[in-house]
Amino acid sequence: MLACAAEDLLATRVTGQINLGVVALLAQGSLLLWTAARYDRAVHEGAAYESAEEH
């Protein structure tokens, strides 16, 4: 939606062929991976905690 609304802003060059749209895409991808890793770690820690209680 941002790409449609702020076309000129995202086309602003940061360096060389890299523009603000590419930087925003990399930031979003990094946030997605970080969130998935944190969620995965929380699930595994919870499972380890539950198995420790059973023994």
C-alpha atoms as a PDB file:
ATOM      1  CA  MET A   1       0.000   0.000   0.000  1.00  0.00           C
ATOM      2  CA  LEU A   2       2.887   2.337   0.803  1.00  0.00           C
ATOM      3  CA  ALA A   3       4.391   1.688  -2.629  1.00  0.00           C
ATOM      4  CA  CYS A   4       1.199   2.931  -4.272  1.00  0.00           C
ATOM      5  CA  ALA A   5       0.710   5.925  -1.991  1.00  0.00           C
ATOM      6  CA  ALA A   6       4.303   7.158  -1.713  1.00  0.00           C
ATOM      7  CA  GLU A   7       5.850   6.186  -5.014  1.00  0.00           C
ATOM      8  CA  ASP A   8       8.234   9.139  -5.144  1.00  0.00           C
ATOM      9  CA  LEU A   9       9.380   8.633  -1.555  1.00  0.00           C
ATOM     10  CA  LEU A  10      10.271   4.979  -2.100  1.00  0.00           C
ATOM     11  CA  ALA A  11      12.070   5.826  -5.337  1.00  0.00           C
ATOM     12  CA  THR A  12      14.497   8.107  -3.462  1.00  0.00           C
ATOM     13  CA  ARG A  13      18.034   6.841  -4.036  1.00  0.00           C
ATOM     14  CA  VAL A  14      20.027   5.954  -0.952  1.00  0.00           C
ATOM     15  CA  THR A  15      23.242   4.891  -2.648  1.00  0.00           C
ATOM     16  CA  GLY A  16      23.952   3.708  -6.191  1.00  0.00           C
ATOM     17  CA  GLN A  17      21.094   1.497  -7.384  1.00  0.00           C
ATOM     18  CA  ILE A  18      19.699   1.072  -3.852  1.00  0.00           C
ATOM     19  CA  ASN A  19      16.569   3.098  -3.190  1.00  0.00           C
ATOM     20  CA  LEU A  20      14.402   3.585  -0.133  1.00  0.00           C
ATOM     21  CA  GLY A  21      11.977   0.891  -1.308  1.00  0.00           C
ATOM     22  CA  VAL A  22      14.723  -1.730  -1.266  1.00  0.00           C
ATOM     23  CA  VAL A  23      15.820  -0.601   2.205  1.00  0.00           C
ATOM     24  CA  ALA A  24      12.217  -0.835   3.443  1.00  0.00           C
ATOM     25  CA  LEU A  25      11.873  -4.326   1.938  1.00  0.00           C
ATOM     26  CA  LEU A  26      15.071  -5.504   3.654  1.00  0.00           C
ATOM     27  CA  ALA A  27      13.914  -4.025   6.960  1.00  0.00           C
ATOM     28  CA  GLN A  28      10.546  -5.775   6.670  1.00  0.00           C
ATOM     29  CA  GLY A  29      12.205  -9.106   5.799  1.00  0.00           C
ATOM     30  CA  SER A  30      14.616  -8.787   8.709  1.00  0.00           C
ATOM     31  CA  LEU A  31      11.751  -8.013  11.086  1.00  0.00           C
ATOM     32  CA  LEU A  32       9.841 -11.034   9.795  1.00  0.00           C
ATOM     33  CA  LEU A  33      12.808 -13.374  10.320  1.00  0.00           C
ATOM     34  CA  TRP A  34      13.573 -11.933  13.773  1.00  0.00           C
ATOM     35  CA  THR A  35       9.939 -12.332  14.853  1.00  0.00           C
ATOM     36  CA  ALA A  36       9.808 -15.921  13.567  1.00  0.00           C
ATOM     37  CA  ALA A  37      13.059 -16.804  15.347  1.00  0.00           C
ATOM     38  CA  ARG A  38      11.829 -15.321  18.634  1.00  0.00           C
ATOM     39  CA  TYR A  39       8.518 -17.147  18.335  1.00  0.00           C
ATOM     40  CA  ASP A  40      10.283 -20.422  17.519  1.00  0.00           C
ATOM     41  CA  ARG A  41      12.632 -20.011  20.486  1.00  0.00           C
ATOM     42  CA  ALA A  42       9.714 -19.261  22.827  1.00  0.00           C
ATOM     43  CA  VAL A  43       7.845 -22.359  21.653  1.00  0.00           C
ATOM     44  CA  HIS A  44      10.892 -24.591  22.115  1.00  0.00           C
ATOM     45  CA  GLU A  45      11.677 -23.168  25.567  1.00  0.00           C
ATOM     46  CA  GLY A  46       8.063 -23.723  26.598  1.00  0.00           C
ATOM     47  CA  ALA A  47       8.208 -27.336  25.393  1.00  0.00           C
ATOM     48  CA  ALA A  48      11.443 -27.938  27.304  1.00  0.00           C
ATOM     49  CA  TYR A  49       9.882 -26.422  30.420  1.00  0.00           C
ATOM     50  CA  GLU A  50       6.815 -28.657  30.112  1.00  0.00           C
ATOM     51  CA  SER A  51       8.894 -31.838  29.640  1.00  0.00           C
ATOM     52  CA  ALA A  52      11.025 -30.935  32.684  1.00  0.00           C
ATOM     53  CA  GLU A  53       7.865 -30.669  34.802  1.00  0.00           C
ATOM     54  CA  GLU A  54       6.754 -34.178  33.815  1.00  0.00           C
ATOM     55  CA  HIS A  55       9.905 -35.830  35.194  1.00  0.00           C
END
